[in-house]
Structure formats: structure tokens, C-alpha cells
Amino acid sequence: MIRIVPKYKLLMSYDIKPESQEVYYRFVTTDFVPALRLMHIYMTDVHHTLWGNYPVRLVEFVAESKEIIHEALDSERYKQLEEKLKTYTENYSRKVIRYRDGFQM
């Protein structure tokens, strides 16, 4: 188990395209999340919206510094991963915020 002191969160929200569900799950579990882990960004929570006018998925990642996140976001590898993620999703957005324990949007 990896232990870090999280200082920042990378939040991603989106809707999964119905026709892409299976390939989306395969990509996220075998490529996207492991690649971010190698960049020292760790997934902590996944929220699924059942009701309301909100994106279906909110995914939370944490890192020990804002620099770690921005270095990853600026990397070619991340840009490739993000573009592939966007092919499986709609209404995609991401933001970096200061870490606070619990649910954040």
C-alpha cells in the first residue's frame, strides 16, 4: 500500500457514452489509472450520479503537490490518455483543487 500526504485533488467529471461502456471500463482500469499512478497521482474515489442534472461520473485523484499534478497534465503521455478517455465520454471536465477530506466538486 502506498501512503502519501495528499495536498491536491484532480477531479474529473463526465458522462460515459452508452456504446462505449465496456471499452471505457477496460481502458480506465488497465491503462488510465495505472498510468496516473506511475505519475504519482492516485485514484481515491469514484462517484456515480443516479439522479439529477449532473455528470454521471466524478473521479477523484490525489497527489502530494500541485507541481506533481501539473507536470503530469503537461506530459505527452497524459495528453494521449486524456484524448482517448474523451473518445469514450461526453461533457468531460477536470480541475485541480486543494485537498480536503470528503466529497468535493
N, C-alpha and C. Protein backbone atom coordinates (compact mmCIF):
# COMPACT_ATOMS: atom_id res chain seq x y z
N MET A 1 0.84 -1.18 0.00
CA MET A 1 0.00 0.00 0.00
C MET A 1 0.88 1.25 0.00
N ILE A 2 0.52 2.21 -0.82
CA ILE A 2 1.25 3.47 -0.91
C ILE A 2 0.62 4.46 0.05
N ARG A 3 1.47 5.13 0.82
CA ARG A 3 0.97 6.16 1.75
C ARG A 3 1.53 7.50 1.33
N ILE A 4 0.64 8.46 1.14
CA ILE A 4 1.05 9.82 0.81
C ILE A 4 0.30 10.79 1.69
N VAL A 5 0.76 12.01 1.72
CA VAL A 5 0.04 13.08 2.39
C VAL A 5 -0.56 13.94 1.28
N PRO A 6 -1.84 13.73 0.96
CA PRO A 6 -2.43 14.45 -0.17
C PRO A 6 -2.57 15.94 0.12
N LYS A 7 -2.21 16.74 -0.86
CA LYS A 7 -2.34 18.20 -0.75
C LYS A 7 -3.28 18.76 -1.81
N TYR A 8 -3.41 18.03 -2.94
CA TYR A 8 -4.26 18.49 -4.03
C TYR A 8 -5.06 17.34 -4.61
N LYS A 9 -6.21 17.69 -5.18
CA LYS A 9 -7.06 16.72 -5.87
C LYS A 9 -7.17 17.11 -7.34
N LEU A 10 -7.20 16.09 -8.16
CA LEU A 10 -7.55 16.23 -9.56
C LEU A 10 -8.94 15.62 -9.69
N LEU A 11 -9.92 16.45 -10.02
CA LEU A 11 -11.30 16.00 -10.17
C LEU A 11 -11.65 15.93 -11.65
N MET A 12 -12.24 14.82 -12.05
CA MET A 12 -12.71 14.65 -13.43
C MET A 12 -14.18 14.28 -13.38
N SER A 13 -14.96 14.94 -14.22
CA SER A 13 -16.37 14.57 -14.31
C SER A 13 -16.73 14.40 -15.77
N TYR A 14 -17.65 13.48 -16.03
CA TYR A 14 -18.06 13.19 -17.40
C TYR A 14 -19.21 12.21 -17.41
N ASP A 15 -19.80 12.08 -18.59
CA ASP A 15 -20.80 11.05 -18.87
C ASP A 15 -20.14 10.01 -19.76
N ILE A 16 -20.40 8.76 -19.49
CA ILE A 16 -19.85 7.68 -20.32
C ILE A 16 -20.81 7.44 -21.48
N LYS A 17 -20.29 7.43 -22.70
CA LYS A 17 -21.13 7.17 -23.86
C LYS A 17 -21.68 5.75 -23.74
N PRO A 18 -22.99 5.58 -23.92
CA PRO A 18 -23.60 4.25 -23.75
C PRO A 18 -22.92 3.17 -24.60
N GLU A 19 -22.55 3.50 -25.82
CA GLU A 19 -21.95 2.50 -26.71
C GLU A 19 -20.50 2.20 -26.37
N SER A 20 -19.93 2.94 -25.43
CA SER A 20 -18.51 2.78 -25.09
C SER A 20 -18.27 2.20 -23.70
N GLN A 21 -19.31 1.78 -23.02
CA GLN A 21 -19.17 1.36 -21.62
C GLN A 21 -18.10 0.30 -21.39
N GLU A 22 -18.16 -0.78 -22.14
CA GLU A 22 -17.21 -1.87 -21.90
C GLU A 22 -15.77 -1.46 -22.17
N VAL A 23 -15.55 -0.83 -23.32
CA VAL A 23 -14.20 -0.42 -23.68
C VAL A 23 -13.71 0.69 -22.75
N TYR A 24 -14.61 1.54 -22.28
CA TYR A 24 -14.26 2.58 -21.29
C TYR A 24 -13.72 1.93 -20.02
N TYR A 25 -14.45 0.98 -19.46
CA TYR A 25 -14.02 0.34 -18.21
C TYR A 25 -12.68 -0.37 -18.38
N ARG A 26 -12.50 -1.02 -19.50
CA ARG A 26 -11.24 -1.71 -19.76
C ARG A 26 -10.09 -0.70 -19.83
N PHE A 27 -10.29 0.40 -20.55
CA PHE A 27 -9.27 1.43 -20.69
C PHE A 27 -8.92 2.06 -19.34
N VAL A 28 -9.93 2.42 -18.57
CA VAL A 28 -9.68 3.09 -17.29
C VAL A 28 -8.93 2.17 -16.33
N THR A 29 -9.34 0.92 -16.26
CA THR A 29 -8.72 0.01 -15.29
C THR A 29 -7.36 -0.52 -15.71
N THR A 30 -7.14 -0.69 -17.01
CA THR A 30 -5.86 -1.27 -17.44
C THR A 30 -4.84 -0.24 -17.92
N ASP A 31 -5.29 0.95 -18.33
CA ASP A 31 -4.36 1.96 -18.86
C ASP A 31 -4.35 3.25 -18.05
N PHE A 32 -5.50 3.88 -17.93
CA PHE A 32 -5.56 5.24 -17.38
C PHE A 32 -5.12 5.32 -15.92
N VAL A 33 -5.77 4.57 -15.06
CA VAL A 33 -5.45 4.63 -13.62
C VAL A 33 -4.02 4.17 -13.35
N PRO A 34 -3.55 3.05 -13.92
CA PRO A 34 -2.15 2.66 -13.69
C PRO A 34 -1.15 3.70 -14.19
N ALA A 35 -1.43 4.36 -15.31
CA ALA A 35 -0.51 5.38 -15.83
C ALA A 35 -0.44 6.58 -14.88
N LEU A 36 -1.58 7.00 -14.35
CA LEU A 36 -1.56 8.12 -13.39
C LEU A 36 -0.82 7.72 -12.11
N ARG A 37 -0.98 6.48 -11.71
CA ARG A 37 -0.26 6.01 -10.52
C ARG A 37 1.25 6.12 -10.72
N LEU A 38 1.71 5.80 -11.91
CA LEU A 38 3.14 5.94 -12.22
C LEU A 38 3.59 7.40 -12.19
N MET A 39 2.64 8.31 -12.37
CA MET A 39 2.92 9.75 -12.31
C MET A 39 2.74 10.30 -10.89
N HIS A 40 2.51 9.40 -9.92
CA HIS A 40 2.33 9.75 -8.51
C HIS A 40 1.02 10.48 -8.25
N ILE A 41 0.00 10.11 -9.03
CA ILE A 41 -1.35 10.63 -8.84
C ILE A 41 -2.24 9.40 -8.62
N TYR A 42 -2.95 9.38 -7.50
CA TYR A 42 -3.63 8.17 -7.05
C TYR A 42 -5.14 8.36 -6.96
N MET A 43 -5.87 7.42 -7.56
CA MET A 43 -7.33 7.47 -7.50
C MET A 43 -7.79 7.12 -6.09
N THR A 44 -8.69 7.93 -5.55
CA THR A 44 -9.21 7.66 -4.22
C THR A 44 -10.70 7.35 -4.21
N ASP A 45 -11.46 7.99 -5.09
CA ASP A 45 -12.91 7.82 -5.08
C ASP A 45 -13.47 7.91 -6.49
N VAL A 46 -14.57 7.17 -6.67
CA VAL A 46 -15.36 7.28 -7.90
C VAL A 46 -16.81 7.40 -7.46
N HIS A 47 -17.47 8.44 -7.93
CA HIS A 47 -18.87 8.68 -7.58
C HIS A 47 -19.72 8.52 -8.83
N HIS A 48 -20.87 7.89 -8.65
CA HIS A 48 -21.80 7.68 -9.76
C HIS A 48 -23.10 8.40 -9.42
N THR A 49 -23.53 9.30 -10.29
CA THR A 49 -24.76 10.06 -10.08
C THR A 49 -25.95 9.26 -10.60
N LEU A 50 -26.90 9.01 -9.73
CA LEU A 50 -28.09 8.26 -10.13
C LEU A 50 -29.24 9.16 -10.53
N TRP A 51 -29.25 10.39 -10.00
CA TRP A 51 -30.39 11.26 -10.24
C TRP A 51 -29.92 12.70 -10.29
N GLY A 52 -30.49 13.48 -11.16
CA GLY A 52 -30.17 14.90 -11.24
C GLY A 52 -29.44 15.26 -12.51
N ASN A 53 -29.31 16.53 -12.73
CA ASN A 53 -28.68 17.05 -13.94
C ASN A 53 -27.20 17.29 -13.70
N TYR A 54 -26.47 16.20 -13.46
CA TYR A 54 -25.04 16.26 -13.19
C TYR A 54 -24.35 15.19 -14.03
N PRO A 55 -23.05 15.31 -14.24
CA PRO A 55 -22.35 14.23 -14.94
C PRO A 55 -22.51 12.91 -14.17
N VAL A 56 -22.57 11.83 -14.92
CA VAL A 56 -22.76 10.51 -14.32
C VAL A 56 -21.58 10.11 -13.45
N ARG A 57 -20.38 10.51 -13.85
CA ARG A 57 -19.18 10.06 -13.16
C ARG A 57 -18.37 11.24 -12.64
N LEU A 58 -17.94 11.12 -11.38
CA LEU A 58 -16.97 12.05 -10.79
C LEU A 58 -15.86 11.19 -10.22
N VAL A 59 -14.64 11.40 -10.70
CA VAL A 59 -13.49 10.62 -10.26
C VAL A 59 -12.52 11.54 -9.55
N GLU A 60 -12.04 11.11 -8.37
CA GLU A 60 -11.11 11.91 -7.57
C GLU A 60 -9.75 11.22 -7.52
N PHE A 61 -8.73 12.01 -7.83
CA PHE A 61 -7.34 11.57 -7.70
C PHE A 61 -6.65 12.53 -6.74
N VAL A 62 -5.63 12.05 -6.03
CA VAL A 62 -4.87 12.91 -5.11
C VAL A 62 -3.38 12.84 -5.44
N ALA A 63 -2.69 13.91 -5.04
CA ALA A 63 -1.23 13.97 -5.19
C ALA A 63 -0.67 14.80 -4.05
N GLU A 64 0.64 14.66 -3.83
CA GLU A 64 1.28 15.37 -2.73
C GLU A 64 1.58 16.82 -3.04
N SER A 65 1.51 17.21 -4.32
CA SER A 65 1.76 18.62 -4.64
C SER A 65 1.04 19.01 -5.93
N LYS A 66 0.83 20.30 -6.06
CA LYS A 66 0.24 20.83 -7.29
C LYS A 66 1.20 20.62 -8.46
N GLU A 67 2.50 20.70 -8.17
CA GLU A 67 3.51 20.52 -9.22
C GLU A 67 3.45 19.12 -9.82
N ILE A 68 3.24 18.12 -8.98
CA ILE A 68 3.12 16.74 -9.48
C ILE A 68 1.97 16.65 -10.47
N ILE A 69 0.83 17.24 -10.11
CA ILE A 69 -0.34 17.18 -10.99
C ILE A 69 -0.08 17.93 -12.29
N HIS A 70 0.43 19.15 -12.18
CA HIS A 70 0.64 19.95 -13.39
C HIS A 70 1.71 19.36 -14.30
N GLU A 71 2.73 18.77 -13.71
CA GLU A 71 3.75 18.10 -14.52
C GLU A 71 3.13 16.94 -15.30
N ALA A 72 2.27 16.19 -14.63
CA ALA A 72 1.58 15.08 -15.30
C ALA A 72 0.66 15.60 -16.40
N LEU A 73 -0.15 16.61 -16.09
CA LEU A 73 -1.10 17.14 -17.07
C LEU A 73 -0.40 17.71 -18.30
N ASP A 74 0.81 18.20 -18.13
CA ASP A 74 1.57 18.76 -19.24
C ASP A 74 2.33 17.71 -20.05
N SER A 75 2.36 16.48 -19.55
CA SER A 75 3.14 15.43 -20.23
C SER A 75 2.40 14.91 -21.47
N GLU A 76 3.17 14.47 -22.43
CA GLU A 76 2.60 13.90 -23.65
C GLU A 76 1.79 12.64 -23.34
N ARG A 77 2.29 11.84 -22.41
CA ARG A 77 1.59 10.60 -22.05
C ARG A 77 0.20 10.91 -21.51
N TYR A 78 0.09 11.87 -20.61
CA TYR A 78 -1.22 12.22 -20.07
C TYR A 78 -2.13 12.76 -21.16
N LYS A 79 -1.61 13.61 -22.01
CA LYS A 79 -2.43 14.19 -23.08
C LYS A 79 -3.00 13.10 -23.98
N GLN A 80 -2.20 12.07 -24.26
CA GLN A 80 -2.68 10.94 -25.06
C GLN A 80 -3.78 10.19 -24.32
N LEU A 81 -3.56 9.93 -23.04
CA LEU A 81 -4.55 9.22 -22.24
C LEU A 81 -5.86 10.01 -22.15
N GLU A 82 -5.75 11.31 -21.93
CA GLU A 82 -6.94 12.14 -21.80
C GLU A 82 -7.73 12.17 -23.12
N GLU A 83 -7.03 12.27 -24.23
CA GLU A 83 -7.72 12.27 -25.53
C GLU A 83 -8.45 10.95 -25.75
N LYS A 84 -7.84 9.85 -25.36
CA LYS A 84 -8.50 8.55 -25.50
C LYS A 84 -9.71 8.47 -24.57
N LEU A 85 -9.57 8.96 -23.35
CA LEU A 85 -10.70 8.98 -22.42
C LEU A 85 -11.87 9.77 -23.01
N LYS A 86 -11.56 10.88 -23.63
CA LYS A 86 -12.61 11.73 -24.22
C LYS A 86 -13.36 11.02 -25.35
N THR A 87 -12.74 10.04 -25.99
CA THR A 87 -13.46 9.32 -27.05
C THR A 87 -14.55 8.42 -26.48
N TYR A 88 -14.45 8.08 -25.20
CA TYR A 88 -15.43 7.22 -24.54
C TYR A 88 -16.44 8.01 -23.71
N THR A 89 -16.25 9.32 -23.62
CA THR A 89 -17.07 10.13 -22.71
C THR A 89 -17.61 11.38 -23.41
N GLU A 90 -18.54 12.03 -22.72
CA GLU A 90 -19.10 13.32 -23.14
C GLU A 90 -19.12 14.23 -21.93
N ASN A 91 -19.21 15.52 -22.17
CA ASN A 91 -19.30 16.51 -21.08
C ASN A 91 -18.12 16.40 -20.12
N TYR A 92 -16.95 16.14 -20.66
CA TYR A 92 -15.75 15.95 -19.86
C TYR A 92 -15.25 17.28 -19.31
N SER A 93 -14.87 17.28 -18.04
CA SER A 93 -14.19 18.44 -17.46
C SER A 93 -13.25 17.94 -16.36
N ARG A 94 -12.24 18.75 -16.09
CA ARG A 94 -11.32 18.43 -15.00
C ARG A 94 -10.89 19.71 -14.33
N LYS A 95 -10.52 19.58 -13.06
CA LYS A 95 -9.98 20.73 -12.34
C LYS A 95 -9.10 20.23 -11.21
N VAL A 96 -8.19 21.10 -10.81
CA VAL A 96 -7.27 20.82 -9.71
C VAL A 96 -7.67 21.73 -8.56
N ILE A 97 -7.86 21.13 -7.38
CA ILE A 97 -8.26 21.90 -6.20
C ILE A 97 -7.41 21.47 -5.01
N ARG A 98 -7.40 22.32 -3.99
CA ARG A 98 -6.73 21.95 -2.73
C ARG A 98 -7.46 20.77 -2.10
N TYR A 99 -6.70 19.87 -1.55
CA TYR A 99 -7.26 18.68 -0.92
C TYR A 99 -8.01 19.05 0.35
N ARG A 100 -9.17 18.46 0.49
CA ARG A 100 -9.93 18.49 1.73
C ARG A 100 -10.55 17.10 1.86
N ASP A 101 -10.54 16.55 3.03
CA ASP A 101 -11.10 15.23 3.23
C ASP A 101 -12.60 15.27 2.93
N GLY A 102 -13.09 14.25 2.27
CA GLY A 102 -14.51 14.17 1.97
C GLY A 102 -14.82 14.56 0.54
N PHE A 103 -16.10 14.58 0.24
CA PHE A 103 -16.59 14.86 -1.10
C PHE A 103 -16.36 16.32 -1.47
N GLN A 104 -15.81 16.55 -2.65
CA GLN A 104 -15.61 17.90 -3.18
C GLN A 104 -16.00 17.91 -4.64
N MET A 105 -16.51 19.07 -5.09
CA MET A 105 -16.84 19.23 -6.52
C MET A 105 -16.12 20.42 -7.06
